[in-house]
Amino acid sequence: FPSHDNWSHIKVDGFKESDGDGLKYAKGNNHPHAKVTEDQVIEIREIYKTGGHTYSSLGRKYNVSPAIISDIIKRKTWKHVE
């Protein structure tokens, strides 16, 4: 029984094939743990730009933590969304 078995023939919902070996998470709306949609990410960034909104207030509006809002605003997550 070889120790280098490759299970790349197995397909899993929420994952897509990577460019190299193995699998990686899908991005954006297709990610299995996404808490917001790409449209909401755009809204969040636009609303924040207008001023007068905190990470906490936006978190309450979109039912996510202020840390998630911070990561969206600072483009630590959802980098592919303009």
Protein backbone atom coordinates (compact mmCIF):
# COMPACT_ATOMS: atom_id res chain seq x y z
CA PHE A 1 0.00 0.00 0.00
CA PRO A 2 1.86 3.09 -1.25
CA SER A 3 2.19 6.09 1.07
CA HIS A 4 1.81 8.57 -1.80
CA ASP A 5 -1.80 7.81 -2.75
CA ASN A 6 -3.49 10.70 -4.52
CA TRP A 7 -7.24 11.20 -4.13
CA SER A 8 -7.50 13.90 -6.83
CA HIS A 9 -10.15 11.85 -8.64
CA ILE A 10 -12.55 12.54 -5.73
CA LYS A 11 -14.65 15.69 -6.22
CA VAL A 12 -15.98 17.56 -3.15
CA ASP A 13 -18.69 20.25 -3.14
CA GLY A 14 -17.26 23.63 -2.15
CA PHE A 15 -13.75 22.78 -3.38
CA LYS A 16 -12.25 23.16 -6.79
CA GLU A 17 -9.11 21.76 -8.31
CA SER A 18 -6.01 23.84 -7.78
CA ASP A 19 -3.38 24.60 -10.38
CA GLY A 20 -0.98 22.26 -8.60
CA ASP A 21 -1.50 19.12 -6.60
CA GLY A 22 -4.50 18.83 -4.31
CA LEU A 23 -7.58 21.00 -3.83
CA LYS A 24 -8.21 24.52 -2.59
CA TYR A 25 -11.31 26.35 -1.37
CA ALA A 26 -13.50 28.04 -3.91
CA LYS A 27 -13.62 31.84 -3.69
CA GLY A 28 -16.40 34.23 -2.85
CA ASN A 29 -20.01 33.09 -2.97
CA ASN A 30 -18.85 29.53 -3.72
CA HIS A 31 -16.78 29.23 -0.55
CA PRO A 32 -18.54 26.83 1.83
CA HIS A 33 -18.02 29.13 4.85
CA ALA A 34 -18.90 32.49 3.23
CA LYS A 35 -20.88 34.68 5.64
CA VAL A 36 -21.67 37.40 3.10
CA THR A 37 -22.12 37.57 -0.66
CA GLU A 38 -19.92 39.39 -3.16
CA ASP A 39 -22.69 41.98 -3.60
CA GLN A 40 -22.72 42.57 0.16
CA VAL A 41 -18.93 42.98 0.19
CA ILE A 42 -19.26 45.73 -2.42
CA GLU A 43 -22.05 47.36 -0.36
CA ILE A 44 -20.03 47.15 2.85
CA ARG A 45 -17.04 48.86 1.25
CA GLU A 46 -19.19 51.56 -0.35
CA ILE A 47 -21.11 52.26 2.87
CA TYR A 48 -17.90 52.43 4.88
CA LYS A 49 -16.39 54.94 2.41
CA THR A 50 -19.29 57.34 3.02
CA GLY A 51 -18.27 57.66 6.67
CA GLY A 52 -20.30 57.55 9.84
CA HIS A 53 -20.30 53.76 10.08
CA THR A 54 -18.21 51.62 12.39
CA TYR A 55 -17.15 48.02 11.95
CA SER A 56 -19.60 47.19 14.74
CA SER A 57 -22.57 48.92 13.11
CA LEU A 58 -21.86 47.27 9.78
CA GLY A 59 -21.39 43.93 11.53
CA ARG A 60 -24.84 44.23 13.09
CA LYS A 61 -26.37 45.21 9.74
CA TYR A 62 -24.86 42.19 7.95
CA ASN A 63 -25.03 39.81 10.92
CA VAL A 64 -21.27 39.22 11.10
CA SER A 65 -18.56 40.18 13.57
CA PRO A 66 -16.75 43.51 13.44
CA ALA A 67 -13.56 41.51 12.73
CA ILE A 68 -15.09 40.15 9.52
CA ILE A 69 -16.07 43.69 8.48
CA SER A 70 -12.52 44.87 9.24
CA ASP A 71 -11.02 42.10 7.09
CA ILE A 72 -13.38 43.00 4.23
CA ILE A 73 -12.60 46.74 4.44
CA LYS A 74 -8.85 46.14 4.71
CA ARG A 75 -9.04 43.57 1.87
CA LYS A 76 -7.58 40.78 3.98
CA THR A 77 -10.52 38.76 2.68
CA TRP A 78 -12.58 39.05 -0.51
CA LYS A 79 -9.50 40.50 -2.28
CA HIS A 80 -10.86 39.45 -5.65
CA VAL A 81 -13.94 41.70 -5.30
CA GLU A 82 -13.54 45.27 -6.54
